Amino acid sequence: MKNDRDMLRASSNQKIRPLWRWLAAALALAIVTFQIVGYQVARSINLNYFKDPSVPVSALDIVAFLFVLYLIAIAAFGTWRFRQKGS
């Protein structure tokens, strides 16, 4: 009979179901699409009204980028938590 610690370790190491992996990938693609469209809109507004096409990078852009990377890692590796084996 396994003890509670072994059962928790086994349950946390299980892979995510393929449906959730596909949903994570689709959500990442949707976020990337909205970020690109938002950048293009901001660039065109700045170019038309201010004659300067530069768009500053905001903290929300960085957070969205890191979240997209996390979702892609979930879709690729199939686990919510990332840690080294044996730890």
PDB file of N, CA and C in Angstrom:
ATOM      1  N   MET A   1       0.843  -1.169   0.000  1.00  0.00           N
ATOM      2  CA  MET A   1       0.000   0.000   0.000  1.00  0.00           C
ATOM      3  C   MET A   1       0.895   1.242   0.000  1.00  0.00           C
ATOM      4  N   LYS A   2       0.570   2.181  -0.836  1.00  0.00           N
ATOM      5  CA  LYS A   2       1.350   3.415  -0.932  1.00  0.00           C
ATOM      6  C   LYS A   2       0.951   4.382   0.172  1.00  0.00           C
ATOM      7  N   ASN A   3       1.928   5.137   0.626  1.00  0.00           N
ATOM      8  CA  ASN A   3       1.574   6.150   1.612  1.00  0.00           C
ATOM      9  C   ASN A   3       1.092   7.420   0.917  1.00  0.00           C
ATOM     10  N   ASP A   4       0.635   8.382   1.681  1.00  0.00           N
ATOM     11  CA  ASP A   4       0.027   9.596   1.118  1.00  0.00           C
ATOM     12  C   ASP A   4       1.027  10.408   0.301  1.00  0.00           C
ATOM     13  N   ARG A   5       2.261  10.457   0.741  1.00  0.00           N
ATOM     14  CA  ARG A   5       3.273  11.238   0.023  1.00  0.00           C
ATOM     15  C   ARG A   5       3.515  10.680  -1.378  1.00  0.00           C
ATOM     16  N   ASP A   6       3.594   9.348  -1.495  1.00  0.00           N
ATOM     17  CA  ASP A   6       3.797   8.736  -2.808  1.00  0.00           C
ATOM     18  C   ASP A   6       2.595   8.964  -3.718  1.00  0.00           C
ATOM     19  N   MET A   7       1.405   8.949  -3.134  1.00  0.00           N
ATOM     20  CA  MET A   7       0.204   9.174  -3.941  1.00  0.00           C
ATOM     21  C   MET A   7       0.151  10.614  -4.444  1.00  0.00           C
ATOM     22  N   LEU A   8       0.524  11.578  -3.583  1.00  0.00           N
ATOM     23  CA  LEU A   8       0.542  12.974  -4.020  1.00  0.00           C
ATOM     24  C   LEU A   8       1.593  13.192  -5.091  1.00  0.00           C
ATOM     25  N   ARG A   9       2.752  12.589  -4.925  1.00  0.00           N
ATOM     26  CA  ARG A   9       3.811  12.740  -5.908  1.00  0.00           C
ATOM     27  C   ARG A   9       3.387  12.126  -7.244  1.00  0.00           C
ATOM     28  N   ALA A  10       2.729  10.976  -7.206  1.00  0.00           N
ATOM     29  CA  ALA A  10       2.284  10.324  -8.435  1.00  0.00           C
ATOM     30  C   ALA A  10       1.208  11.144  -9.128  1.00  0.00           C
ATOM     31  N   SER A  11       0.288  11.746  -8.350  1.00  0.00           N
ATOM     32  CA  SER A  11      -0.781  12.516  -8.975  1.00  0.00           C
ATOM     33  C   SER A  11      -0.261  13.820  -9.563  1.00  0.00           C
ATOM     34  N   SER A  12       0.777  14.432  -8.950  1.00  0.00           N
ATOM     35  CA  SER A  12       1.297  15.680  -9.487  1.00  0.00           C
ATOM     36  C   SER A  12       2.168  15.454 -10.719  1.00  0.00           C
ATOM     37  N   ASN A  13       2.658  14.241 -10.901  1.00  0.00           N
ATOM     38  CA  ASN A  13       3.505  13.948 -12.057  1.00  0.00           C
ATOM     39  C   ASN A  13       2.710  13.458 -13.260  1.00  0.00           C
ATOM     40  N   GLN A  14       1.409  13.305 -13.112  1.00  0.00           N
ATOM     41  CA  GLN A  14       0.603  12.819 -14.223  1.00  0.00           C
ATOM     42  C   GLN A  14       0.491  13.885 -15.301  1.00  0.00           C
ATOM     43  N   LYS A  15       0.354  13.418 -16.518  1.00  0.00           N
ATOM     44  CA  LYS A  15       0.219  14.322 -17.653  1.00  0.00           C
ATOM     45  C   LYS A  15      -1.197  14.885 -17.717  1.00  0.00           C
ATOM     46  N   ILE A  16      -1.290  16.050 -18.329  1.00  0.00           N
ATOM     47  CA  ILE A  16      -2.591  16.688 -18.543  1.00  0.00           C
ATOM     48  C   ILE A  16      -3.259  16.016 -19.737  1.00  0.00           C
ATOM     49  N   ARG A  17      -4.539  15.929 -19.710  1.00  0.00           N
ATOM     50  CA  ARG A  17      -5.275  15.319 -20.823  1.00  0.00           C
ATOM     51  C   ARG A  17      -5.069  16.128 -22.100  1.00  0.00           C
ATOM     52  N   PRO A  18      -5.109  15.450 -23.236  1.00  0.00           N
ATOM     53  CA  PRO A  18      -4.864  16.143 -24.514  1.00  0.00           C
ATOM     54  C   PRO A  18      -5.832  17.293 -24.793  1.00  0.00           C
ATOM     55  N   LEU A  19      -7.079  17.187 -24.338  1.00  0.00           N
ATOM     56  CA  LEU A  19      -8.037  18.272 -24.562  1.00  0.00           C
ATOM     57  C   LEU A  19      -7.551  19.564 -23.915  1.00  0.00           C
ATOM     58  N   TRP A  20      -7.068  19.471 -22.656  1.00  0.00           N
ATOM     59  CA  TRP A  20      -6.580  20.655 -21.963  1.00  0.00           C
ATOM     60  C   TRP A  20      -5.311  21.188 -22.606  1.00  0.00           C
ATOM     61  N   ARG A  21      -4.483  20.302 -23.156  1.00  0.00           N
ATOM     62  CA  ARG A  21      -3.278  20.751 -23.848  1.00  0.00           C
ATOM     63  C   ARG A  21      -3.645  21.517 -25.111  1.00  0.00           C
ATOM     64  N   TRP A  22      -4.634  21.022 -25.850  1.00  0.00           N
ATOM     65  CA  TRP A  22      -5.084  21.722 -27.060  1.00  0.00           C
ATOM     66  C   TRP A  22      -5.732  23.059 -26.704  1.00  0.00           C
ATOM     67  N   LEU A  23      -6.483  23.095 -25.619  1.00  0.00           N
ATOM     68  CA  LEU A  23      -7.098  24.356 -25.194  1.00  0.00           C
ATOM     69  C   LEU A  23      -6.041  25.373 -24.774  1.00  0.00           C
ATOM     70  N   ALA A  24      -4.987  24.922 -24.118  1.00  0.00           N
ATOM     71  CA  ALA A  24      -3.893  25.827 -23.738  1.00  0.00           C
ATOM     72  C   ALA A  24      -3.213  26.383 -24.982  1.00  0.00           C
ATOM     73  N   ALA A  25      -2.998  25.533 -25.978  1.00  0.00           N
ATOM     74  CA  ALA A  25      -2.377  25.989 -27.222  1.00  0.00           C
ATOM     75  C   ALA A  25      -3.288  26.972 -27.958  1.00  0.00           C
ATOM     76  N   ALA A  26      -4.585  26.686 -27.992  1.00  0.00           N
ATOM     77  CA  ALA A  26      -5.525  27.579 -28.671  1.00  0.00           C
ATOM     78  C   ALA A  26      -5.620  28.923 -27.952  1.00  0.00           C
ATOM     79  N   LEU A  27      -5.608  28.908 -26.624  1.00  0.00           N
ATOM     80  CA  LEU A  27      -5.640  30.154 -25.865  1.00  0.00           C
ATOM     81  C   LEU A  27      -4.365  30.968 -26.108  1.00  0.00           C
ATOM     82  N   ALA A  28      -3.230  30.295 -26.173  1.00  0.00           N
ATOM     83  CA  ALA A  28      -1.973  30.991 -26.464  1.00  0.00           C
ATOM     84  C   ALA A  28      -2.014  31.638 -27.840  1.00  0.00           C
ATOM     85  N   LEU A  29      -2.534  30.921 -28.836  1.00  0.00           N
ATOM     86  CA  LEU A  29      -2.644  31.496 -30.179  1.00  0.00           C
ATOM     87  C   LEU A  29      -3.616  32.671 -30.224  1.00  0.00           C
ATOM     88  N   ALA A  30      -4.709  32.588 -29.475  1.00  0.00           N
ATOM     89  CA  ALA A  30      -5.669  33.691 -29.439  1.00  0.00           C
ATOM     90  C   ALA A  30      -5.041  34.928 -28.800  1.00  0.00           C
ATOM     91  N   ILE A  31      -4.300  34.739 -27.714  1.00  0.00           N
ATOM     92  CA  ILE A  31      -3.652  35.880 -27.061  1.00  0.00           C
ATOM     93  C   ILE A  31      -2.624  36.512 -27.983  1.00  0.00           C
ATOM     94  N   VAL A  32      -1.833  35.684 -28.661  1.00  0.00           N
ATOM     95  CA  VAL A  32      -0.836  36.212 -29.603  1.00  0.00           C
ATOM     96  C   VAL A  32      -1.516  36.986 -30.726  1.00  0.00           C
ATOM     97  N   THR A  33      -2.614  36.463 -31.228  1.00  0.00           N
ATOM     98  CA  THR A  33      -3.336  37.149 -32.300  1.00  0.00           C
ATOM     99  C   THR A  33      -3.837  38.515 -31.841  1.00  0.00           C
ATOM    100  N   PHE A  34      -4.445  38.569 -30.659  1.00  0.00           N
ATOM    101  CA  PHE A  34      -4.937  39.847 -30.153  1.00  0.00           C
ATOM    102  C   PHE A  34      -3.799  40.823 -29.869  1.00  0.00           C
ATOM    103  N   GLN A  35      -2.666  40.328 -29.416  1.00  0.00           N
ATOM    104  CA  GLN A  35      -1.513  41.200 -29.176  1.00  0.00           C
ATOM    105  C   GLN A  35      -0.993  41.784 -30.487  1.00  0.00           C
ATOM    106  N   ILE A  36      -0.926  40.972 -31.524  1.00  0.00           N
ATOM    107  CA  ILE A  36      -0.441  41.455 -32.826  1.00  0.00           C
ATOM    108  C   ILE A  36      -1.412  42.469 -33.415  1.00  0.00           C
ATOM    109  N   VAL A  37      -2.706  42.180 -33.344  1.00  0.00           N
ATOM    110  CA  VAL A  37      -3.709  43.118 -33.867  1.00  0.00           C
ATOM    111  C   VAL A  37      -3.663  44.427 -33.087  1.00  0.00           C
ATOM    112  N   GLY A  38      -3.542  44.350 -31.765  1.00  0.00           N
ATOM    113  CA  GLY A  38      -3.448  45.555 -30.949  1.00  0.00           C
ATOM    114  C   GLY A  38      -2.208  46.379 -31.276  1.00  0.00           C
ATOM    115  N   TYR A  39      -1.093  45.703 -31.526  1.00  0.00           N
ATOM    116  CA  TYR A  39       0.128  46.405 -31.908  1.00  0.00           C
ATOM    117  C   TYR A  39      -0.054  47.118 -33.243  1.00  0.00           C
ATOM    118  N   GLN A  40      -0.652  46.443 -34.208  1.00  0.00           N
ATOM    119  CA  GLN A  40      -0.858  47.045 -35.525  1.00  0.00           C
ATOM    120  C   GLN A  40      -1.806  48.245 -35.450  1.00  0.00           C
ATOM    121  N   VAL A  41      -2.844  48.136 -34.645  1.00  0.00           N
ATOM    122  CA  VAL A  41      -3.778  49.258 -34.483  1.00  0.00           C
ATOM    123  C   VAL A  41      -3.075  50.439 -33.822  1.00  0.00           C
ATOM    124  N   ALA A  42      -2.327  50.181 -32.755  1.00  0.00           N
ATOM    125  CA  ALA A  42      -1.611  51.267 -32.075  1.00  0.00           C
ATOM    126  C   ALA A  42      -0.572  51.896 -32.992  1.00  0.00           C
ATOM    127  N   ARG A  43       0.099  51.076 -33.788  1.00  0.00           N
ATOM    128  CA  ARG A  43       1.110  51.601 -34.713  1.00  0.00           C
ATOM    129  C   ARG A  43       0.468  52.483 -35.778  1.00  0.00           C
ATOM    130  N   SER A  44      -0.655  52.030 -36.324  1.00  0.00           N
ATOM    131  CA  SER A  44      -1.301  52.834 -37.362  1.00  0.00           C
ATOM    132  C   SER A  44      -1.881  54.126 -36.798  1.00  0.00           C
ATOM    133  N   ILE A  45      -2.416  54.091 -35.584  1.00  0.00           N
ATOM    134  CA  ILE A  45      -2.915  55.320 -34.962  1.00  0.00           C
ATOM    135  C   ILE A  45      -1.770  56.297 -34.730  1.00  0.00           C
ATOM    136  N   ASN A  46      -0.666  55.788 -34.181  1.00  0.00           N
ATOM    137  CA  ASN A  46       0.487  56.656 -33.939  1.00  0.00           C
ATOM    138  C   ASN A  46       1.047  57.221 -35.239  1.00  0.00           C
ATOM    139  N   LEU A  47       1.054  56.439 -36.287  1.00  0.00           N
ATOM    140  CA  LEU A  47       1.581  56.903 -37.568  1.00  0.00           C
ATOM    141  C   LEU A  47       0.671  57.959 -38.196  1.00  0.00           C
ATOM    142  N   ASN A  48      -0.638  57.754 -38.131  1.00  0.00           N
ATOM    143  CA  ASN A  48      -1.570  58.694 -38.752  1.00  0.00           C
ATOM    144  C   ASN A  48      -1.703  60.012 -37.985  1.00  0.00           C
ATOM    145  N   TYR A  49      -1.738  59.946 -36.669  1.00  0.00           N
ATOM    146  CA  TYR A  49      -1.972  61.151 -35.887  1.00  0.00           C
ATOM    147  C   TYR A  49      -0.699  61.833 -35.398  1.00  0.00           C
ATOM    148  N   PHE A  50       0.321  61.061 -35.091  1.00  0.00           N
ATOM    149  CA  PHE A  50       1.531  61.639 -34.506  1.00  0.00           C
ATOM    150  C   PHE A  50       2.748  61.556 -35.423  1.00  0.00           C
ATOM    151  N   LYS A  51       2.604  60.927 -36.578  1.00  0.00           N
ATOM    152  CA  LYS A  51       3.687  60.755 -37.559  1.00  0.00           C
ATOM    153  C   LYS A  51       4.881  60.027 -36.954  1.00  0.00           C
ATOM    154  N   ASP A  52       4.628  59.192 -35.984  1.00  0.00           N
ATOM    155  CA  ASP A  52       5.667  58.397 -35.327  1.00  0.00           C
ATOM    156  C   ASP A  52       5.134  56.974 -35.146  1.00  0.00           C
ATOM    157  N   PRO A  53       5.665  55.996 -35.876  1.00  0.00           N
ATOM    158  CA  PRO A  53       5.091  54.647 -35.810  1.00  0.00           C
ATOM    159  C   PRO A  53       5.508  53.831 -34.586  1.00  0.00           C
ATOM    160  N   SER A  54       6.333  54.378 -33.710  1.00  0.00           N
ATOM    161  CA  SER A  54       6.814  53.584 -32.575  1.00  0.00           C
ATOM    162  C   SER A  54       5.700  53.360 -31.548  1.00  0.00           C
ATOM    163  N   VAL A  55       5.673  52.161 -31.012  1.00  0.00           N
ATOM    164  CA  VAL A  55       4.699  51.785 -29.999  1.00  0.00           C
ATOM    165  C   VAL A  55       5.480  51.313 -28.773  1.00  0.00           C
ATOM    166  N   PRO A  56       5.280  51.960 -27.627  1.00  0.00           N
ATOM    167  CA  PRO A  56       6.026  51.535 -26.434  1.00  0.00           C
ATOM    168  C   PRO A  56       5.532  50.178 -25.918  1.00  0.00           C
ATOM    169  N   VAL A  57       6.445  49.437 -25.314  1.00  0.00           N
ATOM    170  CA  VAL A  57       6.108  48.144 -24.727  1.00  0.00           C
ATOM    171  C   VAL A  57       5.648  48.385 -23.292  1.00  0.00           C
ATOM    172  N   SER A  58       4.482  47.866 -22.965  1.00  0.00           N
ATOM    173  CA  SER A  58       3.935  48.062 -21.616  1.00  0.00           C
ATOM    174  C   SER A  58       4.179  46.826 -20.753  1.00  0.00           C
ATOM    175  N   ALA A  59       3.934  46.981 -19.477  1.00  0.00           N
ATOM    176  CA  ALA A  59       4.086  45.855 -18.558  1.00  0.00           C
ATOM    177  C   ALA A  59       3.074  44.757 -18.873  1.00  0.00           C
ATOM    178  N   LEU A  60       1.894  45.145 -19.325  1.00  0.00           N
ATOM    179  CA  LEU A  60       0.883  44.156 -19.692  1.00  0.00           C
ATOM    180  C   LEU A  60       1.330  43.326 -20.899  1.00  0.00           C
ATOM    181  N   ASP A  61       2.037  43.944 -21.834  1.00  0.00           N
ATOM    182  CA  ASP A  61       2.574  43.202 -22.971  1.00  0.00           C
ATOM    183  C   ASP A  61       3.566  42.137 -22.510  1.00  0.00           C
ATOM    184  N   ILE A  62       4.394  42.480 -21.552  1.00  0.00           N
ATOM    185  CA  ILE A  62       5.388  41.534 -21.040  1.00  0.00           C
ATOM    186  C   ILE A  62       4.704  40.397 -20.288  1.00  0.00           C
ATOM    187  N   VAL A  63       3.701  40.726 -19.480  1.00  0.00           N
ATOM    188  CA  VAL A  63       2.954  39.698 -18.754  1.00  0.00           C
ATOM    189  C   VAL A  63       2.238  38.769 -19.728  1.00  0.00           C
ATOM    190  N   ALA A  64       1.639  39.320 -20.761  1.00  0.00           N
ATOM    191  CA  ALA A  64       0.955  38.500 -21.764  1.00  0.00           C
ATOM    192  C   ALA A  64       1.949  37.584 -22.474  1.00  0.00           C
ATOM    193  N   PHE A  65       3.135  38.104 -22.788  1.00  0.00           N
ATOM    194  CA  PHE A  65       4.165  37.299 -23.444  1.00  0.00           C
ATOM    195  C   PHE A  65       4.601  36.132 -22.550  1.00  0.00           C
ATOM    196  N   LEU A  66       4.817  36.392 -21.265  1.00  0.00           N
ATOM    197  CA  LEU A  66       5.224  35.330 -20.347  1.00  0.00           C
ATOM    198  C   LEU A  66       4.107  34.300 -20.158  1.00  0.00           C
ATOM    199  N   PHE A  67       2.861  34.759 -20.114  1.00  0.00           N
ATOM    200  CA  PHE A  67       1.726  33.842 -19.982  1.00  0.00           C
ATOM    201  C   PHE A  67       1.588  32.965 -21.222  1.00  0.00           C
ATOM    202  N   VAL A  68       1.815  33.545 -22.396  1.00  0.00           N
ATOM    203  CA  VAL A  68       1.774  32.767 -23.636  1.00  0.00           C
ATOM    204  C   VAL A  68       2.883  31.717 -23.637  1.00  0.00           C
ATOM    205  N   LEU A  69       4.068  32.090 -23.189  1.00  0.00           N
ATOM    206  CA  LEU A  69       5.151  31.109 -23.098  1.00  0.00           C
ATOM    207  C   LEU A  69       4.791  29.969 -22.153  1.00  0.00           C
ATOM    208  N   TYR A  70       4.169  30.292 -21.034  1.00  0.00           N
ATOM    209  CA  TYR A  70       3.742  29.271 -20.077  1.00  0.00           C
ATOM    210  C   TYR A  70       2.691  28.352 -20.698  1.00  0.00           C
ATOM    211  N   LEU A  71       1.726  28.915 -21.401  1.00  0.00           N
ATOM    212  CA  LEU A  71       0.693  28.090 -22.043  1.00  0.00           C
ATOM    213  C   LEU A  71       1.285  27.193 -23.124  1.00  0.00           C
ATOM    214  N   ILE A  72       2.249  27.692 -23.872  1.00  0.00           N
ATOM    215  CA  ILE A  72       2.889  26.878 -24.896  1.00  0.00           C
ATOM    216  C   ILE A  72       3.688  25.747 -24.241  1.00  0.00           C
ATOM    217  N   ALA A  73       4.335  26.037 -23.127  1.00  0.00           N
ATOM    218  CA  ALA A  73       5.061  24.987 -22.411  1.00  0.00           C
ATOM    219  C   ALA A  73       4.103  23.929 -21.876  1.00  0.00           C
ATOM    220  N   ILE A  74       2.946  24.351 -21.391  1.00  0.00           N
ATOM    221  CA  ILE A  74       1.936  23.390 -20.933  1.00  0.00           C
ATOM    222  C   ILE A  74       1.495  22.509 -22.097  1.00  0.00           C
ATOM    223  N   ALA A  75       1.238  23.131 -23.237  1.00  0.00           N
ATOM    224  CA  ALA A  75       0.790  22.362 -24.399  1.00  0.00           C
ATOM    225  C   ALA A  75       1.875  21.410 -24.892  1.00  0.00           C
ATOM    226  N   ALA A  76       3.119  21.828 -24.813  1.00  0.00           N
ATOM    227  CA  ALA A  76       4.214  21.000 -25.322  1.00  0.00           C
ATOM    228  C   ALA A  76       4.568  19.857 -24.372  1.00  0.00           C
ATOM    229  N   PHE A  77       4.669  20.145 -23.075  1.00  0.00           N
ATOM    230  CA  PHE A  77       5.147  19.149 -22.125  1.00  0.00           C
ATOM    231  C   PHE A  77       4.034  18.429 -21.383  1.00  0.00           C
ATOM    232  N   GLY A  78       2.848  19.017 -21.333  1.00  0.00           N
ATOM    233  CA  GLY A  78       1.702  18.341 -20.748  1.00  0.00           C
ATOM    234  C   GLY A  78       1.656  18.311 -19.245  1.00  0.00           C
ATOM    235  N   THR A  79       2.273  19.283 -18.588  1.00  0.00           N
ATOM    236  CA  THR A  79       2.204  19.348 -17.138  1.00  0.00           C
ATOM    237  C   THR A  79       2.060  20.799 -16.703  1.00  0.00           C
ATOM    238  N   TRP A  80       1.367  21.022 -15.571  1.00  0.00           N
ATOM    239  CA  TRP A  80       1.154  22.379 -15.069  1.00  0.00           C
ATOM    240  C   TRP A  80       2.376  22.897 -14.349  1.00  0.00           C
ATOM    241  N   ARG A  81       3.025  22.000 -13.626  1.00  0.00           N
ATOM    242  CA  ARG A  81       4.185  22.389 -12.824  1.00  0.00           C
ATOM    243  C   ARG A  81       5.453  21.914 -13.502  1.00  0.00           C
ATOM    244  N   PHE A  82       6.439  22.783 -13.537  1.00  0.00           N
ATOM    245  CA  PHE A  82       7.706  22.448 -14.171  1.00  0.00           C
ATOM    246  C   PHE A  82       8.790  22.423 -13.107  1.00  0.00           C
ATOM    247  N   ARG A  83       9.358  21.263 -12.918  1.00  0.00           N
ATOM    248  CA  ARG A  83      10.466  21.123 -11.983  1.00  0.00           C
ATOM    249  C   ARG A  83      11.332  19.973 -12.437  1.00  0.00           C
ATOM    250  N   GLN A  84      12.523  19.935 -11.897  1.00  0.00           N
ATOM    251  CA  GLN A  84      13.462  18.897 -12.289  1.00  0.00           C
ATOM    252  C   GLN A  84      13.043  17.557 -11.709  1.00  0.00           C
ATOM    253  N   LYS A  85      13.412  16.507 -12.432  1.00  0.00           N
ATOM    254  CA  LYS A  85      13.115  15.164 -11.918  1.00  0.00           C
ATOM    255  C   LYS A  85      13.986  14.899 -10.702  1.00  0.00           C
ATOM    256  N   GLY A  86      13.414  14.237  -9.748  1.00  0.00           N
ATOM    257  CA  GLY A  86      14.141  13.886  -8.544  1.00  0.00           C
ATOM    258  C   GLY A  86      14.068  14.927  -7.456  1.00  0.00           C
ATOM    259  N   SER A  87      13.357  16.028  -7.690  1.00  0.00           N
ATOM    260  CA  SER A  87      13.269  17.055  -6.635  1.00  0.00           C
ATOM    261  C   SER A  87      11.880  17.106  -6.061  1.00  0.00           C
TER     262      SER A  87
END
